[in-house]
């Protein structure tokens, strides 16, 4: 398998747990701070397609920006192109952590799912 990308926000508790799990399980990843290097629209398009999940799953629904901008409403009505623009505009809008491989995308840290896919 080629390089696994780990998108995370270092101050996020869940991301810290995920990073610790990756280290303990000897999973080599390229780590990327989602706040310093936003995913691009092109990256997001590919990841969403690869994940097989609806675009709404890529939004950080518990985040401040999501709530302040009433994105819940927008996610239901905006076009996919508009939603991709929103996601690409600020890494804090994107659900994290994310694991991106050649074959799959994992959103959020679910230990059982990560163990099944990454070990």
N, C-alpha and C. Protein backbone atom coordinates (compact mmCIF):
# COMPACT_ATOMS: atom_id res chain seq x y z
N UNK A 1 0.85 -1.18 0.00
CA UNK A 1 0.00 0.00 0.00
C UNK A 1 0.90 1.24 0.00
N UNK A 2 0.48 2.23 -0.74
CA UNK A 2 1.26 3.47 -0.77
C UNK A 2 0.97 4.29 0.48
N UNK A 3 1.39 5.50 0.47
CA UNK A 3 1.30 6.36 1.64
C UNK A 3 -0.14 6.59 2.08
N UNK A 4 -0.32 6.50 3.39
CA UNK A 4 -1.61 6.79 3.99
C UNK A 4 -1.57 8.21 4.53
N UNK A 5 -2.59 8.98 4.19
CA UNK A 5 -2.67 10.37 4.64
C UNK A 5 -3.58 10.44 5.87
N UNK A 6 -3.10 11.14 6.90
CA UNK A 6 -3.84 11.33 8.13
C UNK A 6 -4.08 12.83 8.28
N UNK A 7 -5.33 13.24 8.05
CA UNK A 7 -5.70 14.65 8.20
C UNK A 7 -6.26 14.85 9.58
N UNK A 8 -5.68 15.81 10.30
CA UNK A 8 -6.11 16.02 11.67
C UNK A 8 -5.87 17.45 12.10
N UNK A 9 -6.47 17.79 13.23
CA UNK A 9 -6.27 19.08 13.87
C UNK A 9 -5.59 18.75 15.20
N UNK A 10 -4.32 19.13 15.38
CA UNK A 10 -3.55 18.71 16.55
C UNK A 10 -4.18 19.01 17.91
N UNK A 11 -5.03 20.04 17.99
CA UNK A 11 -5.65 20.39 19.27
C UNK A 11 -6.94 19.61 19.54
N UNK A 12 -7.38 18.84 18.57
CA UNK A 12 -8.62 18.06 18.70
C UNK A 12 -8.35 16.78 19.49
N UNK A 13 -9.13 16.57 20.54
CA UNK A 13 -8.95 15.39 21.39
C UNK A 13 -9.10 14.08 20.64
N UNK A 14 -10.09 14.01 19.78
CA UNK A 14 -10.32 12.79 19.00
C UNK A 14 -9.14 12.54 18.06
N UNK A 15 -8.62 13.60 17.46
CA UNK A 15 -7.47 13.47 16.57
C UNK A 15 -6.24 12.99 17.35
N UNK A 16 -6.08 13.49 18.57
CA UNK A 16 -4.97 13.06 19.42
C UNK A 16 -5.08 11.57 19.75
N UNK A 17 -6.30 11.13 20.06
CA UNK A 17 -6.53 9.70 20.33
C UNK A 17 -6.20 8.86 19.10
N UNK A 18 -6.63 9.35 17.94
CA UNK A 18 -6.38 8.64 16.69
C UNK A 18 -4.88 8.56 16.40
N UNK A 19 -4.17 9.67 16.61
CA UNK A 19 -2.73 9.70 16.38
C UNK A 19 -2.01 8.71 17.30
N UNK A 20 -2.45 8.67 18.55
CA UNK A 20 -1.87 7.74 19.52
C UNK A 20 -2.13 6.30 19.07
N UNK A 21 -3.34 6.02 18.63
CA UNK A 21 -3.70 4.68 18.16
C UNK A 21 -2.83 4.28 16.96
N UNK A 22 -2.66 5.20 16.02
CA UNK A 22 -1.84 4.92 14.83
C UNK A 22 -0.42 4.57 15.24
N UNK A 23 0.14 5.33 16.20
CA UNK A 23 1.51 5.08 16.66
C UNK A 23 1.60 3.73 17.37
N UNK A 24 0.66 3.47 18.27
CA UNK A 24 0.66 2.21 19.03
C UNK A 24 0.52 0.99 18.12
N UNK A 25 -0.16 1.17 17.00
CA UNK A 25 -0.39 0.05 16.08
C UNK A 25 0.56 0.07 14.88
N UNK A 26 1.60 0.87 14.99
CA UNK A 26 2.64 0.94 13.96
C UNK A 26 2.08 1.17 12.56
N UNK A 27 1.12 2.07 12.48
CA UNK A 27 0.57 2.44 11.17
C UNK A 27 1.29 3.71 10.73
N UNK A 28 2.06 3.59 9.67
CA UNK A 28 2.81 4.75 9.16
C UNK A 28 1.89 5.63 8.32
N UNK A 29 1.88 6.91 8.66
CA UNK A 29 1.04 7.86 7.94
C UNK A 29 1.81 9.14 7.69
N UNK A 30 1.36 9.86 6.69
CA UNK A 30 1.79 11.25 6.49
C UNK A 30 0.74 12.10 7.18
N UNK A 31 1.13 12.81 8.21
CA UNK A 31 0.18 13.61 8.97
C UNK A 31 0.10 15.02 8.38
N UNK A 32 -1.11 15.54 8.32
CA UNK A 32 -1.32 16.87 7.77
C UNK A 32 -2.30 17.63 8.67
N UNK A 33 -1.89 18.82 9.09
CA UNK A 33 -2.73 19.67 9.92
C UNK A 33 -3.78 20.31 9.01
N UNK A 34 -5.02 19.96 9.24
CA UNK A 34 -6.13 20.40 8.39
C UNK A 34 -6.35 21.92 8.46
N UNK A 35 -5.84 22.55 9.53
CA UNK A 35 -6.01 24.00 9.66
C UNK A 35 -4.93 24.77 8.92
N UNK A 36 -3.79 24.14 8.70
CA UNK A 36 -2.69 24.80 7.99
C UNK A 36 -2.70 24.49 6.50
N UNK A 37 -3.25 23.34 6.17
CA UNK A 37 -3.31 22.93 4.76
C UNK A 37 -4.68 22.35 4.48
N UNK A 38 -5.62 23.25 4.15
CA UNK A 38 -6.99 22.83 3.84
C UNK A 38 -7.00 21.80 2.72
N UNK A 39 -7.92 20.85 2.79
CA UNK A 39 -8.11 19.99 1.63
C UNK A 39 -8.60 20.84 0.46
N UNK A 40 -8.13 20.55 -0.72
CA UNK A 40 -8.58 21.28 -1.91
C UNK A 40 -9.91 20.71 -2.39
N UNK A 41 -10.56 21.47 -3.22
CA UNK A 41 -11.83 21.02 -3.81
C UNK A 41 -11.61 19.71 -4.58
N UNK A 42 -10.49 19.63 -5.30
CA UNK A 42 -10.18 18.42 -6.08
C UNK A 42 -9.96 17.22 -5.16
N UNK A 43 -9.20 17.44 -4.08
CA UNK A 43 -8.97 16.35 -3.12
C UNK A 43 -10.29 15.87 -2.54
N UNK A 44 -11.09 16.82 -2.08
CA UNK A 44 -12.38 16.47 -1.47
C UNK A 44 -13.28 15.72 -2.44
N UNK A 45 -13.31 16.15 -3.68
CA UNK A 45 -14.13 15.47 -4.69
C UNK A 45 -13.73 14.01 -4.80
N UNK A 46 -12.43 13.76 -4.88
CA UNK A 46 -11.93 12.39 -4.98
C UNK A 46 -12.20 11.57 -3.74
N UNK A 47 -12.00 12.17 -2.58
CA UNK A 47 -12.20 11.46 -1.32
C UNK A 47 -13.67 11.10 -1.11
N UNK A 48 -14.55 12.02 -1.43
CA UNK A 48 -15.98 11.76 -1.25
C UNK A 48 -16.40 10.62 -2.16
N UNK A 49 -15.94 10.66 -3.41
CA UNK A 49 -16.25 9.60 -4.36
C UNK A 49 -15.71 8.25 -3.86
N UNK A 50 -14.47 8.25 -3.39
CA UNK A 50 -13.83 7.02 -2.91
C UNK A 50 -14.52 6.47 -1.67
N UNK A 51 -15.02 7.37 -0.82
CA UNK A 51 -15.64 6.94 0.44
C UNK A 51 -16.99 6.28 0.22
N UNK A 52 -17.67 6.68 -0.86
CA UNK A 52 -19.02 6.17 -1.10
C UNK A 52 -20.06 6.79 -0.18
N UNK A 53 -19.66 7.79 0.59
CA UNK A 53 -20.57 8.43 1.54
C UNK A 53 -21.12 9.74 0.98
N UNK A 54 -22.25 10.18 1.49
CA UNK A 54 -22.78 11.47 1.04
C UNK A 54 -21.87 12.60 1.53
N UNK A 55 -21.85 13.68 0.80
CA UNK A 55 -20.99 14.82 1.12
C UNK A 55 -21.27 15.36 2.53
N UNK A 56 -22.49 15.25 3.00
CA UNK A 56 -22.86 15.75 4.33
C UNK A 56 -22.00 15.12 5.43
N UNK A 57 -21.55 13.89 5.23
CA UNK A 57 -20.73 13.18 6.22
C UNK A 57 -19.36 13.83 6.40
N UNK A 58 -18.96 14.68 5.46
CA UNK A 58 -17.65 15.31 5.52
C UNK A 58 -17.66 16.63 6.30
N UNK A 59 -18.83 17.02 6.80
CA UNK A 59 -18.92 18.27 7.56
C UNK A 59 -18.74 18.01 9.05
N UNK A 60 -17.97 18.87 9.70
CA UNK A 60 -17.77 18.83 11.14
C UNK A 60 -19.00 19.48 11.79
N UNK A 61 -20.01 18.67 12.05
CA UNK A 61 -21.30 19.20 12.53
C UNK A 61 -21.24 19.74 13.95
N UNK A 62 -20.20 19.41 14.70
CA UNK A 62 -20.11 19.93 16.06
C UNK A 62 -19.21 21.17 16.13
N UNK A 63 -18.72 21.61 14.99
CA UNK A 63 -17.81 22.76 14.97
C UNK A 63 -18.50 24.10 15.07
N UNK A 64 -17.75 25.08 15.55
CA UNK A 64 -18.23 26.44 15.73
C UNK A 64 -18.68 27.07 14.40
N UNK A 65 -17.87 26.91 13.37
CA UNK A 65 -18.18 27.51 12.07
C UNK A 65 -19.48 26.92 11.51
N UNK A 66 -19.64 25.61 11.65
CA UNK A 66 -20.84 24.92 11.17
C UNK A 66 -22.08 25.52 11.83
N UNK A 67 -21.99 25.70 13.14
CA UNK A 67 -23.14 26.23 13.89
C UNK A 67 -23.38 27.71 13.62
N UNK A 68 -22.30 28.50 13.65
CA UNK A 68 -22.44 29.95 13.46
C UNK A 68 -22.97 30.32 12.09
N UNK A 69 -22.64 29.53 11.08
CA UNK A 69 -23.07 29.81 9.71
C UNK A 69 -24.31 29.03 9.29
N UNK A 70 -24.94 28.38 10.27
CA UNK A 70 -26.14 27.59 10.01
C UNK A 70 -25.96 26.67 8.80
N UNK A 71 -24.83 25.97 8.78
CA UNK A 71 -24.52 25.10 7.64
C UNK A 71 -25.45 23.88 7.56
N UNK A 72 -26.09 23.53 8.67
CA UNK A 72 -27.02 22.40 8.66
C UNK A 72 -28.08 22.61 7.58
N UNK A 73 -28.61 23.81 7.54
CA UNK A 73 -29.63 24.17 6.55
C UNK A 73 -29.03 24.16 5.14
N UNK A 74 -27.85 24.74 5.02
CA UNK A 74 -27.18 24.86 3.72
C UNK A 74 -26.84 23.48 3.14
N UNK A 75 -26.38 22.57 4.00
CA UNK A 75 -25.99 21.23 3.55
C UNK A 75 -27.18 20.52 2.90
N UNK A 76 -28.38 20.82 3.40
CA UNK A 76 -29.58 20.18 2.84
C UNK A 76 -30.03 20.77 1.51
N UNK A 77 -29.66 22.04 1.26
CA UNK A 77 -30.20 22.70 0.08
C UNK A 77 -29.18 23.08 -1.00
N UNK A 78 -27.93 23.24 -0.62
CA UNK A 78 -26.91 23.71 -1.57
C UNK A 78 -26.51 22.61 -2.54
N UNK A 79 -25.97 23.03 -3.68
CA UNK A 79 -25.49 22.05 -4.67
C UNK A 79 -24.19 21.43 -4.16
N UNK A 80 -23.82 20.29 -4.72
CA UNK A 80 -22.58 19.63 -4.31
C UNK A 80 -21.38 20.56 -4.56
N UNK A 81 -21.41 21.30 -5.65
CA UNK A 81 -20.32 22.22 -5.96
C UNK A 81 -20.18 23.30 -4.88
N UNK A 82 -21.31 23.85 -4.45
CA UNK A 82 -21.29 24.86 -3.38
C UNK A 82 -20.75 24.26 -2.08
N UNK A 83 -21.18 23.05 -1.77
CA UNK A 83 -20.74 22.38 -0.54
C UNK A 83 -19.25 22.09 -0.59
N UNK A 84 -18.74 21.71 -1.75
CA UNK A 84 -17.30 21.47 -1.90
C UNK A 84 -16.53 22.77 -1.67
N UNK A 85 -17.06 23.89 -2.17
CA UNK A 85 -16.43 25.19 -1.96
C UNK A 85 -16.36 25.52 -0.46
N UNK A 86 -17.43 25.23 0.26
CA UNK A 86 -17.48 25.49 1.71
C UNK A 86 -16.44 24.63 2.42
N UNK A 87 -16.41 23.34 2.09
CA UNK A 87 -15.46 22.43 2.73
C UNK A 87 -14.01 22.84 2.44
N UNK A 88 -13.75 23.24 1.22
CA UNK A 88 -12.39 23.61 0.82
C UNK A 88 -11.97 24.98 1.37
N UNK A 89 -12.92 25.76 1.85
CA UNK A 89 -12.61 27.12 2.31
C UNK A 89 -11.95 27.16 3.68
N UNK A 90 -12.21 26.15 4.51
CA UNK A 90 -11.69 26.17 5.88
C UNK A 90 -11.63 24.75 6.42
N UNK A 91 -10.44 24.31 6.80
CA UNK A 91 -10.25 22.94 7.32
C UNK A 91 -11.09 22.64 8.54
N UNK A 92 -11.45 23.67 9.31
CA UNK A 92 -12.24 23.45 10.52
C UNK A 92 -13.69 23.05 10.21
N UNK A 93 -14.11 23.20 8.98
CA UNK A 93 -15.46 22.80 8.58
C UNK A 93 -15.50 21.29 8.28
N UNK A 94 -14.33 20.71 8.03
CA UNK A 94 -14.24 19.31 7.62
C UNK A 94 -14.19 18.39 8.84
N UNK A 95 -14.98 17.34 8.79
CA UNK A 95 -14.99 16.31 9.85
C UNK A 95 -13.61 15.69 9.92
N UNK A 96 -13.14 15.45 11.10
CA UNK A 96 -11.82 14.87 11.28
C UNK A 96 -11.79 13.93 12.46
N UNK A 97 -10.79 13.12 12.59
CA UNK A 97 -9.69 12.92 11.65
C UNK A 97 -10.14 12.17 10.40
N UNK A 98 -9.32 12.27 9.39
CA UNK A 98 -9.56 11.56 8.13
C UNK A 98 -8.35 10.69 7.82
N UNK A 99 -8.63 9.49 7.34
CA UNK A 99 -7.58 8.62 6.82
C UNK A 99 -7.88 8.44 5.34
N UNK A 100 -6.87 8.70 4.50
CA UNK A 100 -7.03 8.57 3.06
C UNK A 100 -5.99 7.57 2.55
N UNK A 101 -6.43 6.51 1.91
CA UNK A 101 -5.52 5.56 1.28
C UNK A 101 -5.90 5.44 -0.18
N UNK A 102 -5.18 4.61 -0.91
CA UNK A 102 -5.52 4.39 -2.32
C UNK A 102 -6.88 3.71 -2.46
N UNK A 103 -7.28 2.95 -1.44
CA UNK A 103 -8.49 2.12 -1.54
C UNK A 103 -9.69 2.58 -0.74
N UNK A 104 -9.47 3.38 0.28
CA UNK A 104 -10.62 3.77 1.13
C UNK A 104 -10.36 5.08 1.86
N UNK A 105 -11.44 5.62 2.41
CA UNK A 105 -11.40 6.84 3.21
C UNK A 105 -12.14 6.55 4.52
N UNK A 106 -11.53 6.91 5.64
CA UNK A 106 -12.18 6.77 6.95
C UNK A 106 -12.41 8.18 7.51
N UNK A 107 -13.62 8.42 7.99
CA UNK A 107 -13.98 9.73 8.54
C UNK A 107 -14.29 9.55 10.02
N UNK A 108 -13.64 10.37 10.85
CA UNK A 108 -13.85 10.25 12.29
C UNK A 108 -13.07 9.06 12.81
N UNK A 109 -12.85 9.02 14.11
CA UNK A 109 -12.07 7.93 14.69
C UNK A 109 -12.99 6.90 15.33
N UNK A 110 -13.14 5.77 14.66
CA UNK A 110 -13.87 4.63 15.19
C UNK A 110 -12.86 3.49 15.25
N UNK A 111 -12.39 3.20 16.46
CA UNK A 111 -11.27 2.28 16.64
C UNK A 111 -11.47 0.93 15.94
N UNK A 112 -12.67 0.35 16.06
CA UNK A 112 -12.91 -0.96 15.44
C UNK A 112 -12.75 -0.89 13.92
N UNK A 113 -13.32 0.16 13.34
CA UNK A 113 -13.24 0.33 11.89
C UNK A 113 -11.79 0.55 11.45
N UNK A 114 -11.06 1.35 12.20
CA UNK A 114 -9.66 1.62 11.86
C UNK A 114 -8.84 0.34 11.98
N UNK A 115 -9.09 -0.44 13.04
CA UNK A 115 -8.35 -1.69 13.23
C UNK A 115 -8.61 -2.64 12.07
N UNK A 116 -9.86 -2.73 11.67
CA UNK A 116 -10.24 -3.63 10.57
C UNK A 116 -9.57 -3.22 9.25
N UNK A 117 -9.52 -1.92 8.98
CA UNK A 117 -9.02 -1.42 7.70
C UNK A 117 -7.50 -1.23 7.67
N UNK A 118 -6.91 -0.89 8.81
CA UNK A 118 -5.50 -0.47 8.80
C UNK A 118 -4.50 -1.51 9.33
N UNK A 119 -4.98 -2.54 9.98
CA UNK A 119 -4.03 -3.53 10.53
C UNK A 119 -3.76 -4.64 9.54
